[in-house]
N, C-alpha and C. Protein backbone atom coordinates (compact mmCIF):
# COMPACT_ATOMS: atom_id res chain seq x y z
N MET A 1 5.91 4.61 -18.24
CA MET A 1 5.01 5.12 -17.11
C MET A 1 4.67 6.10 -15.82
N HIS A 2 5.78 5.64 -15.57
CA HIS A 2 6.09 6.52 -15.20
C HIS A 2 7.78 6.86 -14.32
N ASP A 3 8.54 7.55 -14.16
CA ASP A 3 9.62 7.99 -13.44
C ASP A 3 9.56 8.10 -12.10
N VAL A 4 10.69 7.39 -11.86
CA VAL A 4 11.69 7.43 -10.64
C VAL A 4 12.29 8.71 -10.27
N LEU A 5 12.10 8.79 -9.18
CA LEU A 5 12.93 10.23 -9.28
C LEU A 5 14.02 10.12 -7.86
N HIS A 6 15.08 9.52 -7.88
CA HIS A 6 15.97 9.28 -6.88
C HIS A 6 17.49 9.92 -7.60
N PRO A 7 17.22 10.92 -6.45
CA PRO A 7 18.73 11.72 -6.42
C PRO A 7 20.04 10.89 -6.84
N GLN A 8 20.80 10.87 -7.24
CA GLN A 8 21.86 10.20 -7.89
C GLN A 8 22.71 9.91 -6.80
N SER A 9 23.05 10.67 -5.29
CA SER A 9 23.81 10.81 -5.06
C SER A 9 23.68 10.13 -3.76
N TRP A 10 22.60 9.83 -3.75
CA TRP A 10 21.76 9.26 -2.12
C TRP A 10 21.52 7.70 -2.60
N THR A 11 21.37 7.00 -1.08
CA THR A 11 21.80 5.69 -1.22
C THR A 11 20.75 5.09 -1.36
N PRO A 12 20.42 4.20 -2.27
CA PRO A 12 18.99 3.51 -2.94
C PRO A 12 17.79 3.22 -1.97
N ALA A 13 16.74 3.73 -2.52
CA ALA A 13 15.23 3.41 -1.78
C ALA A 13 15.04 2.09 -1.65
N ARG A 14 15.21 0.82 -1.20
CA ARG A 14 14.73 -0.57 -1.22
C ARG A 14 13.31 -0.61 -0.39
N GLY A 15 12.53 -0.75 -1.57
CA GLY A 15 10.78 -1.60 -1.33
C GLY A 15 10.04 -0.19 -2.02
N PHE A 16 10.07 1.05 -2.05
CA PHE A 16 9.61 2.44 -2.09
C PHE A 16 10.64 3.06 -3.15
N ALA A 17 9.62 4.31 -3.45
CA ALA A 17 10.63 5.17 -4.48
C ALA A 17 10.25 6.40 -3.81
N ASN A 18 11.74 7.20 -3.41
CA ASN A 18 11.38 8.90 -2.89
C ASN A 18 10.22 9.50 -4.06
N GLY A 19 10.04 9.37 -5.29
CA GLY A 19 9.37 9.92 -5.36
C GLY A 19 8.50 9.54 -7.15
N ILE A 20 7.55 10.01 -7.71
CA ILE A 20 7.46 9.35 -8.67
C ILE A 20 6.98 10.87 -9.73
N VAL A 21 6.94 10.93 -11.15
CA VAL A 21 6.45 11.66 -11.64
C VAL A 21 5.44 11.16 -12.61
N ALA A 22 4.35 11.05 -13.38
CA ALA A 22 3.29 11.19 -14.08
C ALA A 22 2.55 11.16 -14.44
N ASN A 23 2.00 10.99 -15.85
CA ASN A 23 1.06 11.77 -16.39
C ASN A 23 -0.19 10.88 -16.49
N GLY A 24 -1.44 11.80 -16.78
CA GLY A 24 -2.60 10.72 -16.96
C GLY A 24 -3.82 11.18 -16.12
N ARG A 25 -4.86 10.26 -16.13
CA ARG A 25 -5.76 10.26 -15.56
C ARG A 25 -5.90 9.54 -14.24
N MET A 26 -6.04 10.63 -13.30
CA MET A 26 -5.29 10.31 -11.46
C MET A 26 -6.83 9.64 -10.83
N VAL A 27 -6.70 8.11 -10.31
CA VAL A 27 -7.19 7.66 -9.31
C VAL A 27 -6.99 7.57 -7.87
N PHE A 28 -7.86 8.12 -6.95
CA PHE A 28 -7.64 7.85 -5.25
C PHE A 28 -8.56 7.06 -4.84
N VAL A 29 -7.95 6.07 -4.04
CA VAL A 29 -8.29 4.75 -3.35
C VAL A 29 -8.80 5.37 -1.74
N GLY A 30 -9.63 5.79 -1.00
CA GLY A 30 -9.73 5.78 0.27
C GLY A 30 -8.70 4.83 0.86
N GLY A 31 -8.91 5.13 2.40
CA GLY A 31 -8.06 4.15 3.43
C GLY A 31 -8.96 3.11 3.05
N MET A 32 -8.29 2.09 2.65
CA MET A 32 -8.54 0.76 2.56
C MET A 32 -8.27 -0.21 3.96
N ILE A 33 -9.14 -1.54 4.54
CA ILE A 33 -8.66 -1.85 5.71
C ILE A 33 -8.62 -3.66 5.59
N GLY A 34 -8.35 -4.30 6.33
CA GLY A 34 -8.12 -5.57 6.11
C GLY A 34 -9.36 -6.32 6.12
N TRP A 35 -10.54 -6.49 6.02
CA TRP A 35 -11.40 -6.75 5.69
C TRP A 35 -12.14 -7.05 4.31
N ASN A 36 -13.25 -8.13 4.81
CA ASN A 36 -13.22 -8.95 3.04
C ASN A 36 -14.78 -8.34 2.20
N ALA A 37 -15.20 -8.42 0.93
CA ALA A 37 -16.05 -7.61 0.64
C ALA A 37 -17.71 -7.40 1.12
N GLN A 38 -18.00 -8.21 2.26
CA GLN A 38 -19.03 -8.36 2.99
C GLN A 38 -18.45 -7.76 4.30
N GLN A 39 -17.07 -6.50 4.35
CA GLN A 39 -16.85 -5.75 5.46
C GLN A 39 -16.97 -6.99 6.47
N GLN A 40 -16.53 -7.54 6.49
CA GLN A 40 -16.10 -8.84 7.79
C GLN A 40 -14.38 -8.86 7.93
N PHE A 41 -13.74 -8.87 8.83
CA PHE A 41 -12.69 -9.61 9.60
C PHE A 41 -12.20 -10.62 9.30
N GLU A 42 -11.45 -11.42 8.39
CA GLU A 42 -11.23 -12.79 8.41
C GLU A 42 -9.95 -13.32 9.30
N THR A 43 -9.49 -12.08 9.84
CA THR A 43 -7.81 -12.83 10.33
C THR A 43 -7.78 -10.84 11.56
N ASP A 44 -7.11 -11.22 12.39
CA ASP A 44 -6.68 -10.71 13.81
C ASP A 44 -4.72 -10.15 13.32
N ASP A 45 -4.90 -11.33 12.05
CA ASP A 45 -3.16 -11.35 12.50
C ASP A 45 -2.56 -10.24 11.30
N PHE A 46 -1.72 -9.87 11.31
CA PHE A 46 -1.03 -8.38 11.14
C PHE A 46 -0.96 -8.50 9.41
N VAL A 47 -0.05 -9.59 9.16
CA VAL A 47 0.42 -9.86 8.18
C VAL A 47 -1.28 -10.26 7.25
N GLU A 48 -1.80 -11.08 7.58
CA GLU A 48 -2.92 -11.67 6.57
C GLU A 48 -3.99 -10.33 6.83
N GLN A 49 -4.06 -8.99 7.69
CA GLN A 49 -4.94 -7.88 6.95
C GLN A 49 -4.27 -7.43 6.37
N VAL A 50 -3.22 -6.66 6.18
CA VAL A 50 -1.91 -6.16 5.56
C VAL A 50 -2.74 -7.05 3.61
N ALA A 51 -2.22 -8.23 3.44
CA ALA A 51 -2.72 -8.91 2.55
C ALA A 51 -3.88 -8.32 1.42
N GLN A 52 -5.07 -8.19 3.00
CA GLN A 52 -6.60 -8.23 2.28
C GLN A 52 -6.67 -6.66 2.13
N THR A 53 -5.67 -5.75 2.59
CA THR A 53 -5.88 -4.06 2.33
C THR A 53 -5.23 -4.38 1.28
N LEU A 54 -3.81 -4.70 0.61
CA LEU A 54 -3.41 -4.37 -0.34
C LEU A 54 -4.84 -5.53 -1.84
N ARG A 55 -5.18 -6.88 -1.56
CA ARG A 55 -6.16 -6.55 -2.30
C ARG A 55 -7.29 -6.17 -2.65
N ASN A 56 -7.85 -5.08 -1.71
CA ASN A 56 -8.82 -3.99 -1.38
C ASN A 56 -8.36 -3.24 -2.31
N VAL A 57 -7.24 -2.84 -2.05
CA VAL A 57 -6.64 -1.88 -2.91
C VAL A 57 -7.23 -1.73 -4.51
N VAL A 58 -5.95 -3.39 -4.79
CA VAL A 58 -6.23 -3.36 -6.12
C VAL A 58 -7.52 -4.17 -6.81
N ALA A 59 -8.44 -4.01 -6.23
CA ALA A 59 -9.63 -4.47 -5.94
C ALA A 59 -10.29 -2.60 -6.85
N VAL A 60 -10.49 -1.94 -5.78
CA VAL A 60 -11.30 -0.48 -6.18
C VAL A 60 -10.24 -0.16 -7.60
N LEU A 61 -8.62 -0.57 -7.37
CA LEU A 61 -7.66 0.06 -8.64
C LEU A 61 -8.50 -0.13 -10.10
N ALA A 62 -8.71 -1.22 -9.75
CA ALA A 62 -9.63 -2.31 -11.10
C ALA A 62 -10.76 -1.85 -11.86
N GLU A 63 -11.61 -1.51 -10.56
CA GLU A 63 -12.98 -0.79 -10.99
C GLU A 63 -12.72 1.01 -11.70
N ALA A 64 -11.68 1.20 -12.09
CA ALA A 64 -10.64 2.09 -12.38
C ALA A 64 -10.03 1.54 -14.09
N GLY A 65 -10.22 1.02 -13.89
CA GLY A 65 -9.21 0.29 -15.45
C GLY A 65 -7.42 0.34 -14.96
N ALA A 66 -7.11 0.45 -13.81
CA ALA A 66 -5.79 0.50 -13.44
C ALA A 66 -6.21 -0.50 -12.68
N THR A 67 -4.22 -0.60 -12.55
CA THR A 67 -3.56 -2.53 -12.28
C THR A 67 -2.50 -1.61 -10.81
N PRO A 68 -1.77 -2.38 -10.47
CA PRO A 68 -0.97 -2.08 -9.26
C PRO A 68 0.20 -1.50 -9.90
N GLU A 69 0.24 -1.64 -11.22
CA GLU A 69 1.77 -0.66 -11.74
C GLU A 69 1.10 0.79 -12.16
N HIS A 70 0.12 1.05 -11.92
CA HIS A 70 0.28 2.42 -11.99
C HIS A 70 -0.54 3.27 -10.52
N LEU A 71 0.49 2.60 -9.38
CA LEU A 71 0.00 3.09 -8.14
C LEU A 71 1.52 4.13 -8.25
N VAL A 72 1.78 5.39 -7.79
CA VAL A 72 2.29 5.90 -7.62
C VAL A 72 2.36 6.24 -5.92
N ARG A 73 1.33 5.96 -5.29
CA ARG A 73 1.63 6.75 -3.88
C ARG A 73 0.52 5.95 -3.09
N LEU A 74 1.29 5.52 -1.84
CA LEU A 74 0.94 4.74 -0.55
C LEU A 74 1.10 4.94 0.77
N THR A 75 0.10 5.26 1.31
CA THR A 75 0.06 6.05 2.74
C THR A 75 -0.92 4.70 3.58
N TRP A 76 0.68 4.40 4.39
CA TRP A 76 0.27 3.09 5.24
C TRP A 76 -0.20 3.59 6.30
N TYR A 77 -1.51 3.51 7.46
CA TYR A 77 -1.34 3.92 8.69
C TYR A 77 -1.45 2.42 9.24
N VAL A 78 -0.46 2.78 10.66
CA VAL A 78 -0.41 1.21 11.00
C VAL A 78 -0.95 1.34 12.64
N THR A 79 -1.27 0.84 13.91
CA THR A 79 -1.37 0.60 15.08
C THR A 79 -0.15 0.21 16.09
N ASP A 80 0.91 -0.63 15.20
CA ASP A 80 1.82 -1.09 15.70
C ASP A 80 3.44 -1.59 14.84
N ARG A 81 4.18 0.13 14.92
CA ARG A 81 5.06 0.00 14.07
C ARG A 81 5.91 -1.02 14.61
N ASP A 82 6.06 -1.59 15.50
CA ASP A 82 7.17 -2.63 15.96
C ASP A 82 7.03 -4.04 14.76
N GLU A 83 5.34 -3.94 14.94
CA GLU A 83 5.50 -5.17 14.55
C GLU A 83 4.99 -5.13 13.09
N TYR A 84 5.19 -3.64 12.60
CA TYR A 84 5.60 -3.31 11.23
C TYR A 84 7.32 -4.19 10.95
N VAL A 85 7.61 -3.67 11.51
CA VAL A 85 9.70 -3.91 11.11
C VAL A 85 9.44 -5.34 12.16
N ALA A 86 9.21 -5.65 13.09
CA ALA A 86 9.86 -6.91 13.43
C ALA A 86 8.83 -8.37 11.89
N ARG A 87 8.60 -7.94 11.15
CA ARG A 87 7.80 -8.98 9.93
C ARG A 87 7.73 -8.12 8.92
N LEU A 88 9.15 -7.28 8.37
CA LEU A 88 9.22 -6.62 7.17
C LEU A 88 9.04 -8.26 5.80
N LYS A 89 10.25 -9.17 6.50
CA LYS A 89 10.63 -10.02 5.06
C LYS A 89 8.84 -10.51 5.08
N GLU A 90 8.00 -10.55 5.48
CA GLU A 90 6.59 -11.29 5.45
C GLU A 90 6.42 -10.11 4.86
N LEU A 91 5.54 -9.12 4.66
CA LEU A 91 5.23 -8.08 4.19
C LEU A 91 6.01 -7.92 3.02
N GLY A 92 6.82 -8.30 3.46
CA GLY A 92 7.27 -7.77 1.23
C GLY A 92 7.20 -9.25 0.63
N THR A 93 7.18 -10.49 0.89
CA THR A 93 6.78 -10.97 0.32
C THR A 93 5.01 -11.26 0.19
N VAL A 94 4.57 -10.69 0.57
CA VAL A 94 3.02 -10.65 0.21
C VAL A 94 3.11 -9.29 -0.29
N TYR A 95 3.54 -8.71 -0.42
CA TYR A 95 3.46 -6.70 -1.21
C TYR A 95 3.54 -7.80 -2.73
N ARG A 96 4.36 -8.24 -2.85
CA ARG A 96 5.63 -8.62 -4.48
C ARG A 96 4.27 -9.88 -4.89
N GLU A 97 3.49 -10.34 -3.64
CA GLU A 97 2.28 -11.56 -4.32
C GLU A 97 1.32 -10.70 -5.18
N ILE A 98 0.72 -9.12 -4.33
CA ILE A 98 -0.52 -8.88 -4.90
C ILE A 98 0.18 -7.67 -5.51
N ILE A 99 1.44 -6.88 -5.25
CA ILE A 99 1.42 -5.55 -6.25
C ILE A 99 2.08 -6.29 -6.59
N GLY A 100 3.40 -7.18 -6.66
CA GLY A 100 4.01 -7.35 -7.89
C GLY A 100 5.98 -6.73 -7.37
N LYS A 101 6.75 -5.50 -8.13
CA LYS A 101 8.06 -5.42 -8.38
C LYS A 101 7.67 -4.41 -8.51
N HIS A 102 6.80 -3.34 -7.98
CA HIS A 102 6.26 -1.80 -8.43
C HIS A 102 6.52 -1.05 -7.03
N TYR A 103 7.41 -0.09 -6.87
CA TYR A 103 7.43 0.31 -5.44
C TYR A 103 6.76 1.57 -5.66
N PRO A 104 5.62 2.01 -5.86
CA PRO A 104 5.35 3.83 -5.17
C PRO A 104 5.92 4.49 -4.83
N ALA A 105 5.95 5.78 -4.04
CA ALA A 105 6.75 6.22 -3.13
C ALA A 105 5.15 6.06 -1.97
N MET A 106 5.66 6.09 -1.03
CA MET A 106 5.62 5.31 0.44
C MET A 106 5.45 6.62 1.32
N ALA A 107 4.31 6.49 2.20
CA ALA A 107 4.70 6.74 3.73
C ALA A 107 3.85 5.59 4.98
N LEU A 108 4.88 5.53 6.29
CA LEU A 108 3.84 4.34 6.93
C LEU A 108 4.13 5.21 8.80
N VAL A 109 2.69 5.77 8.83
CA VAL A 109 2.92 6.36 9.73
C VAL A 109 2.31 5.63 11.03
N GLN A 110 2.20 5.52 11.79
CA GLN A 110 1.81 4.92 13.50
C GLN A 110 0.78 5.52 14.00
N VAL A 111 -0.31 5.13 14.25
CA VAL A 111 -1.23 5.90 14.89
C VAL A 111 -2.11 5.32 15.97
N VAL A 112 -2.93 5.74 17.01
CA VAL A 112 -2.94 4.80 18.49
C VAL A 112 -4.14 4.03 17.89
N ALA A 113 -5.00 4.10 17.10
CA ALA A 113 -6.30 3.49 16.62
C ALA A 113 -6.52 3.34 15.11
N LEU A 114 -7.47 3.14 14.80
CA LEU A 114 -7.91 2.74 13.78
C LEU A 114 -9.66 3.22 14.15
N VAL A 115 -10.68 3.78 12.82
CA VAL A 115 -11.76 3.61 12.92
C VAL A 115 -12.51 2.29 13.33
N GLU A 116 -12.15 0.87 12.59
CA GLU A 116 -12.84 -0.49 12.65
C GLU A 116 -11.46 -0.65 13.78
N ARG A 117 -12.38 -0.76 15.12
CA ARG A 117 -11.28 -1.66 16.10
C ARG A 117 -10.69 -2.34 16.28
N ARG A 118 -10.82 -3.85 15.15
CA ARG A 118 -9.82 -4.85 15.07
C ARG A 118 -8.70 -4.87 13.59
N ALA A 119 -8.74 -3.20 12.56
CA ALA A 119 -8.22 -2.78 11.83
C ALA A 119 -6.95 -2.57 12.45
N LYS A 120 -5.59 -3.17 11.49
CA LYS A 120 -4.26 -3.14 12.19
C LYS A 120 -3.82 -2.27 11.57
N VAL A 121 -3.84 -1.86 9.80
CA VAL A 121 -3.41 -1.56 8.93
C VAL A 121 -4.65 -0.43 8.44
N GLU A 122 -4.59 0.60 7.93
CA GLU A 122 -4.90 1.39 6.97
C GLU A 122 -4.09 2.12 5.94
N ILE A 123 -4.61 1.06 4.03
CA ILE A 123 -3.85 2.46 3.55
C ILE A 123 -4.65 2.52 2.57
N GLU A 124 -4.53 4.21 2.04
CA GLU A 124 -4.80 5.07 0.94
C GLU A 124 -3.49 4.85 -0.39
N ALA A 125 -4.20 4.75 -1.33
CA ALA A 125 -3.44 4.74 -2.62
C ALA A 125 -3.72 5.69 -3.25
N THR A 126 -2.66 6.38 -4.20
CA THR A 126 -3.24 6.85 -5.26
C THR A 126 -2.73 6.34 -6.72
N ALA A 127 -3.60 6.51 -7.92
CA ALA A 127 -2.31 5.86 -9.06
C ALA A 127 -2.75 6.66 -10.38
N VAL A 128 -1.78 6.48 -11.11
CA VAL A 128 -2.35 7.40 -12.03
C VAL A 128 -2.35 6.66 -13.63
N ILE A 129 -3.05 6.76 -14.65
CA ILE A 129 -3.58 5.68 -15.83
C ILE A 129 -3.10 6.95 -16.72
N PRO A 130 -2.33 6.53 -17.79
CA PRO A 130 -1.90 6.92 -18.47
C PRO A 130 -2.15 6.75 -19.70
């Protein structure tokens, strides 16, 4: 499906891929945030917002006939890098529950704020369906 790009002399990447090679139909998922289908936040907890955000990404992928295994890139925007780092173990658990053990190329950026004031995370995704 996809080939992971990892230079042999590099330390193994954990929880992400350095690069991915893929061929197929591309799916671009706009910035998803941690609100529900009615665009309402059910929580202000960072990890719970990440979980909802990932569920939203998966729901949009499904509209294209894609699954989390088709993801080739995720870009995370967070309002608090320190909270992200402090809660990595919890985030890993939530990620694996929703996405599985598939780790696309990823980037994380701390931002001053997101458009929706209560949002603590926004995730953009790219998938390729073979």
